[in-house]
Amino acid sequence: MGRLDGKVAIVTGGARGMGASHVRRFVKEGAKVVFTDINAEGGKALEAELGENVKFVQQDVTKADDWKKVIEEAENTFGPVNILVNNAGISMSKSLMEITEEEYRRIIDINQVSVFLGTKAVVPSMQKAGGGSIINISSINGIVGGAIGYTDSKFAVRGFTKAAALQLAHLGIRVNSVHPGVIETPMVTQGDAVEVIKEFAKQIPVGRMAQPEEVSNLVLYLASDESSYSTGSEFVIDGGLTAM
């Protein structure tokens, strides 16, 4: 028996990296999953791989109309939504004096505004389902400093999570944030700061980057009924980095 049997989930940024790992784990544990991404090619490939228990929808997470479409697709295909994982995000390694206003606003829109839009859009569906779990993927840079734009948005996700948790608790909807450290995903292995990140990983107390599946274990716990008394909290998974 799967830990998510009978549940319907939405995962954003699900075509690759941590998002794809979450989708695979959810399906393995019995969930029906609608996953979204701007990357249609990657999304369709994962959909073909996983079969009838998943549905890919191309989405711009910064657009309210796209969120409406995703919720409707989930309900029409699988039923009311029990789980939302706000996973989509981007990073940029430019300094304060290098980053443009346009670039900054894009990071904020994707990393922060999308979490507000997704949470607001999914609440009516979760009410139909009798409650639910919203998991917002922040970062250790939502707890300690890091890149401009990325850090700002991830701190905001942490704060939004707490505010939303208080407002939605009476509806049986839990809201928590996950704060990964350095995870071995395309965001860090194919970006413009690969060598810097590899060198930095040597300083992590456990001596390595995490695998996406290790984060998925935590996300699964929060998605399941096992975490029924957890809401408004941040869950750190960083190999001891923030303990230094």
C-alpha atoms as a PDB file:
ATOM      1  CA  MET A   1       0.000   0.000   0.000  1.00  0.00           C
ATOM      2  CA  GLY A   2       1.411   3.379  -1.022  1.00  0.00           C
ATOM      3  CA  ARG A   3       1.753   6.311   1.330  1.00  0.00           C
ATOM      4  CA  LEU A   4      -0.196   8.527  -1.093  1.00  0.00           C
ATOM      5  CA  ASP A   5      -2.857   6.100  -2.266  1.00  0.00           C
ATOM      6  CA  GLY A   6      -6.004   7.901  -3.402  1.00  0.00           C
ATOM      7  CA  LYS A   7      -4.397  11.344  -3.444  1.00  0.00           C
ATOM      8  CA  VAL A   8      -4.145  13.804  -6.320  1.00  0.00           C
ATOM      9  CA  ALA A   9      -1.053  15.991  -6.518  1.00  0.00           C
ATOM     10  CA  ILE A  10       0.219  18.936  -8.537  1.00  0.00           C
ATOM     11  CA  VAL A  11       3.969  19.480  -8.858  1.00  0.00           C
ATOM     12  CA  THR A  12       5.359  22.552 -10.634  1.00  0.00           C
ATOM     13  CA  GLY A  13       8.734  22.568 -12.334  1.00  0.00           C
ATOM     14  CA  GLY A  14       8.315  18.824 -12.669  1.00  0.00           C
ATOM     15  CA  ALA A  15      10.075  18.095 -15.949  1.00  0.00           C
ATOM     16  CA  ARG A  16      13.548  17.642 -14.507  1.00  0.00           C
ATOM     17  CA  GLY A  17      15.709  17.888 -11.401  1.00  0.00           C
ATOM     18  CA  MET A  18      14.036  17.844  -8.004  1.00  0.00           C
ATOM     19  CA  GLY A  19      10.590  18.289  -9.529  1.00  0.00           C
ATOM     20  CA  ALA A  20      10.898  15.155 -11.647  1.00  0.00           C
ATOM     21  CA  SER A  21      12.172  13.277  -8.603  1.00  0.00           C
ATOM     22  CA  HIS A  22       9.101  14.346  -6.611  1.00  0.00           C
ATOM     23  CA  VAL A  23       6.787  13.283  -9.437  1.00  0.00           C
ATOM     24  CA  ARG A  24       8.384   9.834  -9.706  1.00  0.00           C
ATOM     25  CA  ARG A  25       8.234   9.269  -5.946  1.00  0.00           C
ATOM     26  CA  PHE A  26       4.623  10.395  -5.675  1.00  0.00           C
ATOM     27  CA  VAL A  27       3.562   8.018  -8.452  1.00  0.00           C
ATOM     28  CA  LYS A  28       5.481   5.176  -6.808  1.00  0.00           C
ATOM     29  CA  GLU A  29       3.577   5.858  -3.582  1.00  0.00           C
ATOM     30  CA  GLY A  30       0.172   5.683  -5.266  1.00  0.00           C
ATOM     31  CA  ALA A  31      -0.664   9.301  -6.131  1.00  0.00           C
ATOM     32  CA  LYS A  32      -2.159  10.589  -9.360  1.00  0.00           C
ATOM     33  CA  VAL A  33       0.038  13.501 -10.425  1.00  0.00           C
ATOM     34  CA  VAL A  34      -0.432  16.508 -12.655  1.00  0.00           C
ATOM     35  CA  PHE A  35       2.977  18.044 -13.169  1.00  0.00           C
ATOM     36  CA  THR A  36       3.787  21.263 -14.951  1.00  0.00           C
ATOM     37  CA  ASP A  37       6.748  22.981 -16.518  1.00  0.00           C
ATOM     38  CA  ILE A  38       7.564  25.588 -19.138  1.00  0.00           C
ATOM     39  CA  ASN A  39       9.717  22.870 -20.758  1.00  0.00           C
ATOM     40  CA  ALA A  40       7.199  20.988 -22.921  1.00  0.00           C
ATOM     41  CA  GLU A  41       9.710  18.571 -24.416  1.00  0.00           C
ATOM     42  CA  GLY A  42      10.969  17.382 -21.039  1.00  0.00           C
ATOM     43  CA  GLY A  43       7.473  17.254 -19.611  1.00  0.00           C
ATOM     44  CA  LYS A  44       6.083  15.108 -22.410  1.00  0.00           C
ATOM     45  CA  ALA A  45       9.044  12.734 -22.143  1.00  0.00           C
ATOM     46  CA  LEU A  46       8.456  12.194 -18.409  1.00  0.00           C
ATOM     47  CA  GLU A  47       4.724  11.775 -19.002  1.00  0.00           C
ATOM     48  CA  ALA A  48       5.440   9.045 -21.564  1.00  0.00           C
ATOM     49  CA  GLU A  49       7.824   7.351 -19.143  1.00  0.00           C
ATOM     50  CA  LEU A  50       5.440   7.266 -16.173  1.00  0.00           C
ATOM     51  CA  GLY A  51       2.184   6.433 -17.950  1.00  0.00           C
ATOM     52  CA  GLU A  52      -1.461   6.787 -17.036  1.00  0.00           C
ATOM     53  CA  ASN A  53      -1.034   8.006 -13.464  1.00  0.00           C
ATOM     54  CA  VAL A  54       0.491  11.316 -14.573  1.00  0.00           C
ATOM     55  CA  LYS A  55      -0.617  14.220 -16.727  1.00  0.00           C
ATOM     56  CA  PHE A  56       1.743  16.904 -18.038  1.00  0.00           C
ATOM     57  CA  VAL A  57       0.499  20.468 -18.512  1.00  0.00           C
ATOM     58  CA  GLN A  58       2.722  23.185 -19.920  1.00  0.00           C
ATOM     59  CA  GLN A  59       2.499  26.149 -17.557  1.00  0.00           C
ATOM     60  CA  ASP A  60       3.886  29.576 -16.914  1.00  0.00           C
ATOM     61  CA  VAL A  61       3.651  29.632 -13.118  1.00  0.00           C
ATOM     62  CA  THR A  62       3.625  33.444 -13.088  1.00  0.00           C
ATOM     63  CA  LYS A  63       0.248  33.584 -14.875  1.00  0.00           C
ATOM     64  CA  ALA A  64      -3.010  33.262 -12.928  1.00  0.00           C
ATOM     65  CA  ASP A  65      -4.851  31.990 -16.023  1.00  0.00           C
ATOM     66  CA  ASP A  66      -2.345  29.160 -16.359  1.00  0.00           C
ATOM     67  CA  TRP A  67      -2.970  28.182 -12.758  1.00  0.00           C
ATOM     68  CA  LYS A  68      -6.708  28.048 -13.399  1.00  0.00           C
ATOM     69  CA  LYS A  69      -6.044  25.756 -16.363  1.00  0.00           C
ATOM     70  CA  VAL A  70      -3.849  23.436 -14.289  1.00  0.00           C
ATOM     71  CA  ILE A  71      -6.392  23.082 -11.481  1.00  0.00           C
ATOM     72  CA  GLU A  72      -9.169  22.362 -13.979  1.00  0.00           C
ATOM     73  CA  GLU A  73      -7.013  19.773 -15.739  1.00  0.00           C
ATOM     74  CA  ALA A  74      -6.251  18.050 -12.437  1.00  0.00           C
ATOM     75  CA  GLU A  75      -9.881  17.916 -11.361  1.00  0.00           C
ATOM     76  CA  ASN A  76     -11.131  16.764 -14.772  1.00  0.00           C
ATOM     77  CA  THR A  77      -8.465  14.068 -15.072  1.00  0.00           C
ATOM     78  CA  PHE A  78      -8.055  12.751 -11.526  1.00  0.00           C
ATOM     79  CA  GLY A  79     -10.365  14.649  -9.160  1.00  0.00           C
ATOM     80  CA  PRO A  80      -9.976  17.339  -6.454  1.00  0.00           C
ATOM     81  CA  VAL A  81      -6.425  18.163  -5.448  1.00  0.00           C
ATOM     82  CA  ASN A  82      -4.957  16.961  -2.140  1.00  0.00           C
ATOM     83  CA  ILE A  83      -1.315  18.037  -2.596  1.00  0.00           C
ATOM     84  CA  LEU A  84       0.458  21.004  -4.188  1.00  0.00           C
ATOM     85  CA  VAL A  85       4.233  21.197  -4.445  1.00  0.00           C
ATOM     86  CA  ASN A  86       5.358  24.685  -5.448  1.00  0.00           C
ATOM     87  CA  ASN A  87       8.718  23.583  -6.803  1.00  0.00           C
ATOM     88  CA  ALA A  88       9.332  25.782  -9.863  1.00  0.00           C
ATOM     89  CA  GLY A  89      12.213  28.201  -9.429  1.00  0.00           C
ATOM     90  CA  ILE A  90      15.232  29.851 -10.989  1.00  0.00           C
ATOM     91  CA  SER A  91      18.517  31.260  -9.754  1.00  0.00           C
ATOM     92  CA  MET A  92      21.083  33.772 -10.992  1.00  0.00           C
ATOM     93  CA  SER A  93      24.633  34.402  -9.805  1.00  0.00           C
ATOM     94  CA  LYS A  94      24.878  38.092 -10.732  1.00  0.00           C
ATOM     95  CA  SER A  95      25.843  40.571  -8.046  1.00  0.00           C
ATOM     96  CA  LEU A  96      23.687  43.421  -6.754  1.00  0.00           C
ATOM     97  CA  MET A  97      25.364  45.904  -9.081  1.00  0.00           C
ATOM     98  CA  GLU A  98      25.182  43.603 -12.120  1.00  0.00           C
ATOM     99  CA  ILE A  99      21.627  42.336 -12.000  1.00  0.00           C
ATOM    100  CA  THR A 100      19.047  44.346 -13.950  1.00  0.00           C
ATOM    101  CA  GLU A 101      15.580  45.294 -12.758  1.00  0.00           C
ATOM    102  CA  GLU A 102      14.069  43.035 -15.415  1.00  0.00           C
ATOM    103  CA  GLU A 103      16.152  40.070 -14.286  1.00  0.00           C
ATOM    104  CA  TYR A 104      15.342  40.731 -10.639  1.00  0.00           C
ATOM    105  CA  ARG A 105      11.605  40.949 -11.258  1.00  0.00           C
ATOM    106  CA  ARG A 106      11.704  37.694 -13.264  1.00  0.00           C
ATOM    107  CA  ILE A 107      13.266  35.848 -10.326  1.00  0.00           C
ATOM    108  CA  ILE A 108      10.692  37.275  -7.926  1.00  0.00           C
ATOM    109  CA  ASP A 109       7.814  36.391 -10.243  1.00  0.00           C
ATOM    110  CA  ILE A 110       8.888  32.786 -10.730  1.00  0.00           C
ATOM    111  CA  ASN A 111      10.153  32.009  -7.226  1.00  0.00           C
ATOM    112  CA  GLN A 112       7.760  34.053  -5.097  1.00  0.00           C
ATOM    113  CA  VAL A 113       4.663  35.296  -6.921  1.00  0.00           C
ATOM    114  CA  SER A 114       4.006  31.835  -8.374  1.00  0.00           C
ATOM    115  CA  VAL A 115       3.721  30.411  -4.848  1.00  0.00           C
ATOM    116  CA  PHE A 116       1.045  32.980  -3.990  1.00  0.00           C
ATOM    117  CA  LEU A 117      -0.828  32.303  -7.246  1.00  0.00           C
ATOM    118  CA  GLY A 118      -0.657  28.531  -6.882  1.00  0.00           C
ATOM    119  CA  THR A 119      -1.740  28.515  -3.247  1.00  0.00           C
ATOM    120  CA  LYS A 120      -4.679  30.817  -3.910  1.00  0.00           C
ATOM    121  CA  ALA A 121      -5.762  28.813  -6.950  1.00  0.00           C
ATOM    122  CA  VAL A 122      -5.660  25.392  -5.272  1.00  0.00           C
ATOM    123  CA  VAL A 123      -7.571  26.183  -2.079  1.00  0.00           C
ATOM    124  CA  PRO A 124     -11.109  25.683  -3.525  1.00  0.00           C
ATOM    125  CA  SER A 125     -10.081  22.306  -4.945  1.00  0.00           C
ATOM    126  CA  MET A 126      -8.553  21.235  -1.634  1.00  0.00           C
ATOM    127  CA  GLN A 127     -11.769  22.254   0.117  1.00  0.00           C
ATOM    128  CA  LYS A 128     -13.630  19.841  -2.191  1.00  0.00           C
ATOM    129  CA  ALA A 129     -11.111  17.164  -1.215  1.00  0.00           C
ATOM    130  CA  GLY A 130     -11.669  17.827   2.481  1.00  0.00           C
ATOM    131  CA  GLY A 131      -8.238  19.349   3.100  1.00  0.00           C
ATOM    132  CA  GLY A 132      -4.733  19.100   1.772  1.00  0.00           C
ATOM    133  CA  SER A 133      -1.023  19.751   2.017  1.00  0.00           C
ATOM    134  CA  ILE A 134       0.862  22.574   0.306  1.00  0.00           C
ATOM    135  CA  ILE A 135       4.638  22.205   0.184  1.00  0.00           C
ATOM    136  CA  ASN A 136       6.639  25.249  -0.831  1.00  0.00           C
ATOM    137  CA  ILE A 137      10.199  24.576  -1.938  1.00  0.00           C
ATOM    138  CA  SER A 138      12.305  27.381  -0.512  1.00  0.00           C
ATOM    139  CA  SER A 139      16.054  26.989   0.109  1.00  0.00           C
ATOM    140  CA  ILE A 140      18.648  27.351   2.836  1.00  0.00           C
ATOM    141  CA  ASN A 141      18.891  30.805   1.249  1.00  0.00           C
ATOM    142  CA  GLY A 142      15.493  31.392   2.773  1.00  0.00           C
ATOM    143  CA  ILE A 143      17.284  31.125   6.134  1.00  0.00           C
ATOM    144  CA  VAL A 144      20.779  32.477   5.434  1.00  0.00           C
ATOM    145  CA  GLY A 145      22.121  34.888   2.838  1.00  0.00           C
ATOM    146  CA  GLY A 146      23.044  34.045  -0.750  1.00  0.00           C
ATOM    147  CA  ALA A 147      22.495  35.384  -4.261  1.00  0.00           C
ATOM    148  CA  ILE A 148      20.542  38.607  -4.765  1.00  0.00           C
ATOM    149  CA  GLY A 149      17.023  37.906  -6.002  1.00  0.00           C
ATOM    150  CA  TYR A 150      17.181  34.226  -5.159  1.00  0.00           C
ATOM    151  CA  THR A 151      17.710  34.829  -1.441  1.00  0.00           C
ATOM    152  CA  ASP A 152      15.077  37.561  -1.334  1.00  0.00           C
ATOM    153  CA  SER A 153      12.457  35.391  -2.995  1.00  0.00           C
ATOM    154  CA  LYS A 154      13.220  32.315  -0.889  1.00  0.00           C
ATOM    155  CA  PHE A 155      12.934  34.298   2.356  1.00  0.00           C
ATOM    156  CA  ALA A 156       9.566  35.520   1.060  1.00  0.00           C
ATOM    157  CA  VAL A 157       8.420  31.958   0.401  1.00  0.00           C
ATOM    158  CA  ARG A 158       9.263  31.081   3.996  1.00  0.00           C
ATOM    159  CA  GLY A 159       7.232  34.021   5.306  1.00  0.00           C
ATOM    160  CA  PHE A 160       4.307  33.406   2.965  1.00  0.00           C
ATOM    161  CA  THR A 161       4.215  29.786   4.105  1.00  0.00           C
ATOM    162  CA  LYS A 162       3.718  30.796   7.722  1.00  0.00           C
ATOM    163  CA  ALA A 163       1.048  33.384   6.919  1.00  0.00           C
ATOM    164  CA  ALA A 164      -0.859  31.000   4.653  1.00  0.00           C
ATOM    165  CA  ALA A 165      -0.623  28.184   7.198  1.00  0.00           C
ATOM    166  CA  LEU A 166      -2.360  30.329   9.804  1.00  0.00           C
ATOM    167  CA  GLN A 167      -5.105  31.376   7.412  1.00  0.00           C
ATOM    168  CA  LEU A 168      -5.785  27.906   6.002  1.00  0.00           C
ATOM    169  CA  ALA A 169      -5.494  25.705   9.099  1.00  0.00           C
ATOM    170  CA  HIS A 170      -9.231  25.872   9.817  1.00  0.00           C
ATOM    171  CA  LEU A 171      -9.870  24.406   6.348  1.00  0.00           C
ATOM    172  CA  GLY A 172      -7.706  21.383   7.055  1.00  0.00           C
ATOM    173  CA  ILE A 173      -5.021  22.652   4.700  1.00  0.00           C
ATOM    174  CA  ARG A 174      -1.430  22.444   5.895  1.00  0.00           C
ATOM    175  CA  VAL A 175       1.338  24.645   4.476  1.00  0.00           C
ATOM    176  CA  ASN A 176       5.033  23.970   5.053  1.00  0.00           C
ATOM    177  CA  SER A 177       8.317  25.003   3.464  1.00  0.00           C
ATOM    178  CA  VAL A 178      11.287  22.827   2.527  1.00  0.00           C
ATOM    179  CA  HIS A 179      14.783  24.305   2.586  1.00  0.00           C
ATOM    180  CA  PRO A 180      17.268  22.253   0.565  1.00  0.00           C
ATOM    181  CA  GLY A 181      20.971  22.944   0.595  1.00  0.00           C
ATOM    182  CA  VAL A 182      23.155  22.084  -2.395  1.00  0.00           C
ATOM    183  CA  ILE A 183      21.308  19.509  -4.496  1.00  0.00           C
ATOM    184  CA  GLU A 184      22.813  17.817  -7.522  1.00  0.00           C
ATOM    185  CA  THR A 185      20.348  19.031 -10.156  1.00  0.00           C
ATOM    186  CA  PRO A 186      20.710  20.718 -13.567  1.00  0.00           C
ATOM    187  CA  MET A 187      20.325  24.095 -11.829  1.00  0.00           C
ATOM    188  CA  VAL A 188      23.751  23.654 -10.226  1.00  0.00           C
ATOM    189  CA  THR A 189      25.468  21.209 -12.602  1.00  0.00           C
ATOM    190  CA  GLN A 190      24.728  23.120 -15.802  1.00  0.00           C
ATOM    191  CA  GLY A 191      24.699  26.729 -14.631  1.00  0.00           C
ATOM    192  CA  ASP A 192      27.325  29.451 -14.821  1.00  0.00           C
ATOM    193  CA  ALA A 193      28.689  28.752 -11.339  1.00  0.00           C
ATOM    194  CA  VAL A 194      29.363  25.000 -11.587  1.00  0.00           C
ATOM    195  CA  GLU A 195      32.967  25.069 -10.403  1.00  0.00           C
ATOM    196  CA  VAL A 196      32.191  27.438  -7.544  1.00  0.00           C
ATOM    197  CA  ILE A 197      29.385  25.162  -6.351  1.00  0.00           C
ATOM    198  CA  LYS A 198      31.515  22.019  -6.596  1.00  0.00           C
ATOM    199  CA  GLU A 199      34.214  23.665  -4.505  1.00  0.00           C
ATOM    200  CA  PHE A 200      31.641  24.914  -2.013  1.00  0.00           C
ATOM    201  CA  ALA A 201      30.179  21.392  -1.668  1.00  0.00           C
ATOM    202  CA  LYS A 202      33.444  20.243  -0.103  1.00  0.00           C
ATOM    203  CA  GLN A 203      32.671  22.457   2.895  1.00  0.00           C
ATOM    204  CA  ILE A 204      29.341  20.755   3.622  1.00  0.00           C
ATOM    205  CA  PRO A 205      29.642  18.808   6.905  1.00  0.00           C
ATOM    206  CA  VAL A 206      28.492  15.538   5.285  1.00  0.00           C
ATOM    207  CA  GLY A 207      31.005  16.164   2.486  1.00  0.00           C
ATOM    208  CA  ARG A 208      28.771  16.062  -0.573  1.00  0.00           C
ATOM    209  CA  MET A 209      25.804  17.482  -2.430  1.00  0.00           C
ATOM    210  CA  ALA A 210      22.429  15.828  -1.870  1.00  0.00           C
ATOM    211  CA  GLN A 211      20.664  13.736  -4.464  1.00  0.00           C
ATOM    212  CA  PRO A 212      17.173  14.925  -5.514  1.00  0.00           C
ATOM    213  CA  GLU A 213      15.670  11.701  -4.171  1.00  0.00           C
ATOM    214  CA  GLU A 214      16.792  12.623  -0.671  1.00  0.00           C
ATOM    215  CA  VAL A 215      14.720  15.796  -0.839  1.00  0.00           C
ATOM    216  CA  SER A 216      11.802  13.815  -2.274  1.00  0.00           C
ATOM    217  CA  ASN A 217      11.789  11.658   0.866  1.00  0.00           C
ATOM    218  CA  LEU A 218      11.080  14.764   2.929  1.00  0.00           C
ATOM    219  CA  VAL A 219       8.524  16.153   0.476  1.00  0.00           C
ATOM    220  CA  LEU A 220       6.742  12.785   0.528  1.00  0.00           C
ATOM    221  CA  TYR A 221       6.489  12.923   4.313  1.00  0.00           C
ATOM    222  CA  LEU A 222       4.909  16.382   4.168  1.00  0.00           C
ATOM    223  CA  ALA A 223       2.536  15.316   1.384  1.00  0.00           C
ATOM    224  CA  SER A 224       1.365  12.282   3.335  1.00  0.00           C
ATOM    225  CA  ASP A 225      -0.941  12.058   6.327  1.00  0.00           C
ATOM    226  CA  GLU A 226       2.098  11.157   8.436  1.00  0.00           C
ATOM    227  CA  SER A 227       2.758  14.891   8.842  1.00  0.00           C
ATOM    228  CA  SER A 228      -0.813  15.694   9.902  1.00  0.00           C
ATOM    229  CA  TYR A 229       0.296  17.918  12.812  1.00  0.00           C
ATOM    230  CA  SER A 230       2.918  19.887  10.892  1.00  0.00           C
ATOM    231  CA  THR A 231       1.985  23.251   9.446  1.00  0.00           C
ATOM    232  CA  GLY A 232       3.644  26.647   9.186  1.00  0.00           C
ATOM    233  CA  SER A 233       7.048  25.068   9.653  1.00  0.00           C
ATOM    234  CA  GLU A 234      10.326  25.023   7.756  1.00  0.00           C
ATOM    235  CA  PHE A 235      12.075  21.718   7.127  1.00  0.00           C
ATOM    236  CA  VAL A 236      15.803  22.015   6.455  1.00  0.00           C
ATOM    237  CA  ILE A 237      17.667  19.374   4.429  1.00  0.00           C
ATOM    238  CA  ASP A 238      21.207  20.637   3.922  1.00  0.00           C
ATOM    239  CA  GLY A 239      23.757  18.108   5.161  1.00  0.00           C
ATOM    240  CA  GLY A 240      24.452  20.269   8.215  1.00  0.00           C
ATOM    241  CA  LEU A 241      25.335  23.423   6.292  1.00  0.00           C
ATOM    242  CA  THR A 242      23.235  25.858   8.328  1.00  0.00           C
ATOM    243  CA  ALA A 243      24.489  24.281  11.565  1.00  0.00           C
ATOM    244  CA  MET A 244      27.988  25.660  10.934  1.00  0.00           C
END
